[in-house]
């Protein structure tokens, strides 16, 4: 087997002044669609990241990754109700699992990623789940294949959102999408 088991781990601790984020102005728009850019006085984001890469054969390897993040607004004189709330659009948990196959002239991959529920409002009041626009947890799988036709030309094909999941990541994600193409190296 080429290479051995690899493991990476990191801890991060960020204290941010003048955090720019998308605020929620329910007085102006009770449905919460109006999201002005706002400046919170301070925020704190900390967490851990870890990944493992394991060769299964000389041509096949597996990679797994996980991130835990606690990201909170710690001071916001313009909107005191947001203090102690999670920063919008930052999930607490995210993980991925990837399987890569590499042979002489071809390669393929199957990837999956998980993202936990998150808030889209700075007051963390959007807790309704399972409805259109909810930022529920989701799992998405993708697949790709490439074949080197010559030293300078490769054929590739990929399918994103293989399981045709409906999920939201800032906006509604498109359903399953397939791509086919040629790559030219100069």
C-alpha atoms as a PDB file:
ATOM      1  CA  UNK A   1       0.000   0.000   0.000  1.00  0.00           C
ATOM      2  CA  UNK A   2       1.239   3.480  -0.851  1.00  0.00           C
ATOM      3  CA  UNK A   3       1.644   5.560   2.300  1.00  0.00           C
ATOM      4  CA  UNK A   4       0.186   4.841   5.692  1.00  0.00           C
ATOM      5  CA  UNK A   5      -2.533   6.150   7.918  1.00  0.00           C
ATOM      6  CA  UNK A   6      -2.521   9.952   8.187  1.00  0.00           C
ATOM      7  CA  UNK A   7      -4.273  12.000  10.854  1.00  0.00           C
ATOM      8  CA  UNK A   8      -4.605  15.774  11.166  1.00  0.00           C
ATOM      9  CA  UNK A   9      -6.171  17.659  14.020  1.00  0.00           C
ATOM     10  CA  UNK A  10      -6.524  21.339  14.857  1.00  0.00           C
ATOM     11  CA  UNK A  11      -8.112  23.539  17.490  1.00  0.00           C
ATOM     12  CA  UNK A  12      -9.126  27.092  16.687  1.00  0.00           C
ATOM     13  CA  UNK A  13     -10.153  30.006  18.881  1.00  0.00           C
ATOM     14  CA  UNK A  14     -11.046  33.265  17.149  1.00  0.00           C
ATOM     15  CA  UNK A  15     -12.155  36.441  18.851  1.00  0.00           C
ATOM     16  CA  UNK A  16     -13.602  38.813  16.302  1.00  0.00           C
ATOM     17  CA  UNK A  17     -14.201  42.553  16.568  1.00  0.00           C
ATOM     18  CA  UNK A  18     -16.665  44.209  14.210  1.00  0.00           C
ATOM     19  CA  UNK A  19     -18.180  40.982  12.880  1.00  0.00           C
ATOM     20  CA  UNK A  20     -20.077  41.624   9.641  1.00  0.00           C
ATOM     21  CA  UNK A  21     -23.063  39.293   9.257  1.00  0.00           C
ATOM     22  CA  UNK A  22     -26.610  39.132   7.847  1.00  0.00           C
ATOM     23  CA  UNK A  23     -28.959  40.462  10.512  1.00  0.00           C
ATOM     24  CA  UNK A  24     -32.687  39.897  10.877  1.00  0.00           C
ATOM     25  CA  UNK A  25     -34.994  42.923  10.908  1.00  0.00           C
ATOM     26  CA  UNK A  26     -38.418  41.521  11.806  1.00  0.00           C
ATOM     27  CA  UNK A  27     -39.801  45.030  12.409  1.00  0.00           C
ATOM     28  CA  UNK A  28     -39.221  45.944   8.769  1.00  0.00           C
ATOM     29  CA  UNK A  29     -40.157  42.512   7.385  1.00  0.00           C
ATOM     30  CA  UNK A  30     -42.036  40.147   9.764  1.00  0.00           C
ATOM     31  CA  UNK A  31     -41.366  37.225   7.406  1.00  0.00           C
ATOM     32  CA  UNK A  32     -37.603  37.683   7.861  1.00  0.00           C
ATOM     33  CA  UNK A  33     -36.674  37.957   4.194  1.00  0.00           C
ATOM     34  CA  UNK A  34     -35.030  41.364   4.614  1.00  0.00           C
ATOM     35  CA  UNK A  35     -31.492  40.646   5.832  1.00  0.00           C
ATOM     36  CA  UNK A  36     -29.388  43.806   6.068  1.00  0.00           C
ATOM     37  CA  UNK A  37     -25.646  43.563   6.554  1.00  0.00           C
ATOM     38  CA  UNK A  38     -24.914  44.401  10.198  1.00  0.00           C
ATOM     39  CA  UNK A  39     -21.914  44.891  12.410  1.00  0.00           C
ATOM     40  CA  UNK A  40     -21.818  43.090  15.749  1.00  0.00           C
ATOM     41  CA  UNK A  41     -19.318  44.513  18.208  1.00  0.00           C
ATOM     42  CA  UNK A  42     -17.732  41.165  19.091  1.00  0.00           C
ATOM     43  CA  UNK A  43     -17.980  37.446  18.386  1.00  0.00           C
ATOM     44  CA  UNK A  44     -16.188  34.307  19.526  1.00  0.00           C
ATOM     45  CA  UNK A  45     -15.695  31.225  17.374  1.00  0.00           C
ATOM     46  CA  UNK A  46     -13.906  28.139  18.593  1.00  0.00           C
ATOM     47  CA  UNK A  47     -13.808  24.502  17.685  1.00  0.00           C
ATOM     48  CA  UNK A  48     -11.948  21.422  16.545  1.00  0.00           C
ATOM     49  CA  UNK A  49     -11.201  19.895  13.179  1.00  0.00           C
ATOM     50  CA  UNK A  50      -9.943  16.411  12.536  1.00  0.00           C
ATOM     51  CA  UNK A  51      -9.354  14.243   9.491  1.00  0.00           C
ATOM     52  CA  UNK A  52      -8.059  10.753   8.810  1.00  0.00           C
ATOM     53  CA  UNK A  53      -6.788   9.365   5.511  1.00  0.00           C
ATOM     54  CA  UNK A  54      -6.452   5.606   5.267  1.00  0.00           C
ATOM     55  CA  UNK A  55      -5.085   3.672   2.289  1.00  0.00           C
ATOM     56  CA  UNK A  56      -7.200   0.592   1.640  1.00  0.00           C
ATOM     57  CA  UNK A  57      -5.228  -0.592  -1.410  1.00  0.00           C
ATOM     58  CA  UNK A  58      -2.475   0.994  -3.486  1.00  0.00           C
ATOM     59  CA  UNK A  59      -5.187   2.495  -5.718  1.00  0.00           C
ATOM     60  CA  UNK A  60      -7.951   3.096  -3.146  1.00  0.00           C
ATOM     61  CA  UNK A  61      -8.124   5.293  -0.082  1.00  0.00           C
ATOM     62  CA  UNK A  62     -10.668   6.591   2.364  1.00  0.00           C
ATOM     63  CA  UNK A  63     -10.748  10.034   3.982  1.00  0.00           C
ATOM     64  CA  UNK A  64     -13.004  11.069   6.868  1.00  0.00           C
ATOM     65  CA  UNK A  65     -13.261  14.543   8.388  1.00  0.00           C
ATOM     66  CA  UNK A  66     -15.194  16.225  11.185  1.00  0.00           C
ATOM     67  CA  UNK A  67     -15.518  19.808  12.414  1.00  0.00           C
ATOM     68  CA  UNK A  68     -17.175  21.059  15.597  1.00  0.00           C
ATOM     69  CA  UNK A  69     -17.720  24.822  15.856  1.00  0.00           C
ATOM     70  CA  UNK A  70     -19.187  27.023  18.570  1.00  0.00           C
ATOM     71  CA  UNK A  71     -19.631  30.481  17.053  1.00  0.00           C
ATOM     72  CA  UNK A  72     -21.469  33.111  19.140  1.00  0.00           C
ATOM     73  CA  UNK A  73     -22.098  36.822  19.168  1.00  0.00           C
ATOM     74  CA  UNK A  74     -20.603  38.101  22.444  1.00  0.00           C
ATOM     75  CA  UNK A  75     -21.377  41.843  22.235  1.00  0.00           C
ATOM     76  CA  UNK A  76     -23.856  43.729  20.052  1.00  0.00           C
ATOM     77  CA  UNK A  77     -25.097  47.095  21.399  1.00  0.00           C
ATOM     78  CA  UNK A  78     -27.234  47.621  18.270  1.00  0.00           C
ATOM     79  CA  UNK A  79     -29.120  44.343  18.861  1.00  0.00           C
ATOM     80  CA  UNK A  80     -28.703  43.144  22.484  1.00  0.00           C
ATOM     81  CA  UNK A  81     -31.079  40.189  21.913  1.00  0.00           C
ATOM     82  CA  UNK A  82     -28.404  38.567  19.726  1.00  0.00           C
ATOM     83  CA  UNK A  83     -25.769  38.322  22.474  1.00  0.00           C
ATOM     84  CA  UNK A  84     -25.092  34.675  23.339  1.00  0.00           C
ATOM     85  CA  UNK A  85     -26.776  33.507  20.121  1.00  0.00           C
ATOM     86  CA  UNK A  86     -25.082  31.443  17.418  1.00  0.00           C
ATOM     87  CA  UNK A  87     -23.725  33.313  14.426  1.00  0.00           C
ATOM     88  CA  UNK A  88     -26.088  32.759  11.488  1.00  0.00           C
ATOM     89  CA  UNK A  89     -25.165  30.148   8.870  1.00  0.00           C
ATOM     90  CA  UNK A  90     -22.435  28.487  10.960  1.00  0.00           C
ATOM     91  CA  UNK A  91     -23.296  24.828  11.672  1.00  0.00           C
ATOM     92  CA  UNK A  92     -22.172  23.247  14.923  1.00  0.00           C
ATOM     93  CA  UNK A  93     -21.233  19.939  13.248  1.00  0.00           C
ATOM     94  CA  UNK A  94     -19.927  19.147   9.764  1.00  0.00           C
ATOM     95  CA  UNK A  95     -18.399  15.943   8.498  1.00  0.00           C
ATOM     96  CA  UNK A  96     -17.353  14.236   5.350  1.00  0.00           C
ATOM     97  CA  UNK A  97     -16.527  10.775   4.082  1.00  0.00           C
ATOM     98  CA  UNK A  98     -14.670  10.334   0.787  1.00  0.00           C
ATOM     99  CA  UNK A  99     -13.662   7.247  -1.152  1.00  0.00           C
ATOM    100  CA  UNK A 100     -11.051   7.800  -3.897  1.00  0.00           C
ATOM    101  CA  UNK A 101      -9.988   5.319  -6.584  1.00  0.00           C
ATOM    102  CA  UNK A 102      -6.954   6.100  -8.724  1.00  0.00           C
ATOM    103  CA  UNK A 103      -5.675   3.784 -11.449  1.00  0.00           C
ATOM    104  CA  UNK A 104      -3.295   4.442 -14.316  1.00  0.00           C
ATOM    105  CA  UNK A 105      -5.452   6.596 -16.589  1.00  0.00           C
ATOM    106  CA  UNK A 106      -8.669   6.885 -14.637  1.00  0.00           C
ATOM    107  CA  UNK A 107      -9.919   8.035 -11.287  1.00  0.00           C
ATOM    108  CA  UNK A 108     -13.232   8.041  -9.469  1.00  0.00           C
ATOM    109  CA  UNK A 109     -14.610   9.337  -6.206  1.00  0.00           C
ATOM    110  CA  UNK A 110     -17.670   8.957  -4.044  1.00  0.00           C
ATOM    111  CA  UNK A 111     -18.116  11.638  -1.401  1.00  0.00           C
ATOM    112  CA  UNK A 112     -20.661  12.333   1.276  1.00  0.00           C
ATOM    113  CA  UNK A 113     -21.001  15.293   3.602  1.00  0.00           C
ATOM    114  CA  UNK A 114     -23.153  16.006   6.615  1.00  0.00           C
ATOM    115  CA  UNK A 115     -24.044  19.461   7.933  1.00  0.00           C
ATOM    116  CA  UNK A 116     -26.006  19.906  11.153  1.00  0.00           C
ATOM    117  CA  UNK A 117     -28.944  22.284  11.540  1.00  0.00           C
ATOM    118  CA  UNK A 118     -28.099  25.958  11.671  1.00  0.00           C
ATOM    119  CA  UNK A 119     -29.801  29.271  12.246  1.00  0.00           C
ATOM    120  CA  UNK A 120     -30.403  31.828   9.534  1.00  0.00           C
ATOM    121  CA  UNK A 121     -31.530  34.542  11.967  1.00  0.00           C
ATOM    122  CA  UNK A 122     -29.254  36.370  14.381  1.00  0.00           C
ATOM    123  CA  UNK A 123     -31.840  35.897  17.146  1.00  0.00           C
ATOM    124  CA  UNK A 124     -31.829  32.107  16.568  1.00  0.00           C
ATOM    125  CA  UNK A 125     -35.630  32.099  16.454  1.00  0.00           C
ATOM    126  CA  UNK A 126     -35.949  30.086  13.230  1.00  0.00           C
ATOM    127  CA  UNK A 127     -36.464  26.734  14.925  1.00  0.00           C
ATOM    128  CA  UNK A 128     -39.269  25.308  12.757  1.00  0.00           C
ATOM    129  CA  UNK A 129     -37.970  22.205  11.003  1.00  0.00           C
ATOM    130  CA  UNK A 130     -39.078  20.240   7.983  1.00  0.00           C
ATOM    131  CA  UNK A 131     -40.600  23.153   6.062  1.00  0.00           C
ATOM    132  CA  UNK A 132     -39.509  25.018   2.938  1.00  0.00           C
ATOM    133  CA  UNK A 133     -36.622  27.296   3.840  1.00  0.00           C
ATOM    134  CA  UNK A 134     -35.714  25.541   7.099  1.00  0.00           C
ATOM    135  CA  UNK A 135     -32.005  24.973   7.636  1.00  0.00           C
ATOM    136  CA  UNK A 136     -32.404  21.356   8.781  1.00  0.00           C
ATOM    137  CA  UNK A 137     -29.454  18.971   8.976  1.00  0.00           C
ATOM    138  CA  UNK A 138     -28.631  17.354   5.658  1.00  0.00           C
ATOM    139  CA  UNK A 139     -26.483  14.695   4.026  1.00  0.00           C
ATOM    140  CA  UNK A 140     -25.413  14.986   0.385  1.00  0.00           C
ATOM    141  CA  UNK A 141     -23.517  12.493  -1.772  1.00  0.00           C
ATOM    142  CA  UNK A 142     -21.577  13.238  -4.974  1.00  0.00           C
ATOM    143  CA  UNK A 143     -19.776  11.005  -7.480  1.00  0.00           C
ATOM    144  CA  UNK A 144     -17.186  11.697 -10.167  1.00  0.00           C
ATOM    145  CA  UNK A 145     -15.166   9.861 -12.792  1.00  0.00           C
ATOM    146  CA  UNK A 146     -12.296  10.931 -15.045  1.00  0.00           C
ATOM    147  CA  UNK A 147     -10.403   9.206 -17.840  1.00  0.00           C
ATOM    148  CA  UNK A 148      -7.168  10.462 -19.386  1.00  0.00           C
ATOM    149  CA  UNK A 149      -7.630  10.127 -23.153  1.00  0.00           C
ATOM    150  CA  UNK A 150      -4.150  11.478 -23.912  1.00  0.00           C
ATOM    151  CA  UNK A 151      -1.440  13.455 -22.119  1.00  0.00           C
ATOM    152  CA  UNK A 152      -3.389  16.660 -22.719  1.00  0.00           C
ATOM    153  CA  UNK A 153      -7.050  15.596 -22.875  1.00  0.00           C
ATOM    154  CA  UNK A 154      -9.246  14.075 -20.156  1.00  0.00           C
ATOM    155  CA  UNK A 155     -12.900  13.142 -20.122  1.00  0.00           C
ATOM    156  CA  UNK A 156     -14.805  13.715 -16.891  1.00  0.00           C
ATOM    157  CA  UNK A 157     -18.304  13.119 -15.570  1.00  0.00           C
ATOM    158  CA  UNK A 158     -19.796  13.990 -12.216  1.00  0.00           C
ATOM    159  CA  UNK A 159     -23.116  13.882 -10.433  1.00  0.00           C
ATOM    160  CA  UNK A 160     -23.762  16.331  -7.602  1.00  0.00           C
ATOM    161  CA  UNK A 161     -26.488  15.614  -5.055  1.00  0.00           C
ATOM    162  CA  UNK A 162     -26.618  11.995  -6.147  1.00  0.00           C
ATOM    163  CA  UNK A 163     -29.557  11.199  -3.849  1.00  0.00           C
ATOM    164  CA  UNK A 164     -31.532  14.269  -5.081  1.00  0.00           C
ATOM    165  CA  UNK A 165     -31.881  15.739  -1.561  1.00  0.00           C
ATOM    166  CA  UNK A 166     -33.734  18.965  -0.825  1.00  0.00           C
ATOM    167  CA  UNK A 167     -31.703  21.131   1.526  1.00  0.00           C
ATOM    168  CA  UNK A 168     -30.832  24.753   2.188  1.00  0.00           C
ATOM    169  CA  UNK A 169     -27.399  26.290   2.408  1.00  0.00           C
ATOM    170  CA  UNK A 170     -28.007  30.060   2.266  1.00  0.00           C
ATOM    171  CA  UNK A 171     -30.550  29.328  -0.498  1.00  0.00           C
ATOM    172  CA  UNK A 172     -32.389  26.245  -1.771  1.00  0.00           C
ATOM    173  CA  UNK A 173     -29.846  23.862  -3.265  1.00  0.00           C
ATOM    174  CA  UNK A 174     -30.595  22.572  -6.740  1.00  0.00           C
ATOM    175  CA  UNK A 175     -31.547  18.928  -7.078  1.00  0.00           C
ATOM    176  CA  UNK A 176     -29.399  16.297  -8.715  1.00  0.00           C
ATOM    177  CA  UNK A 177     -27.092  17.731 -11.388  1.00  0.00           C
ATOM    178  CA  UNK A 178     -24.919  15.835 -13.876  1.00  0.00           C
ATOM    179  CA  UNK A 179     -21.921  17.235 -15.731  1.00  0.00           C
ATOM    180  CA  UNK A 180     -19.838  15.788 -18.570  1.00  0.00           C
ATOM    181  CA  UNK A 181     -16.911  17.483 -20.219  1.00  0.00           C
ATOM    182  CA  UNK A 182     -13.400  17.489 -21.606  1.00  0.00           C
ATOM    183  CA  UNK A 183     -10.350  19.037 -19.961  1.00  0.00           C
ATOM    184  CA  UNK A 184      -7.511  20.324 -22.119  1.00  0.00           C
ATOM    185  CA  UNK A 185      -4.011  20.924 -20.735  1.00  0.00           C
ATOM    186  CA  UNK A 186      -1.867  23.392 -22.632  1.00  0.00           C
END
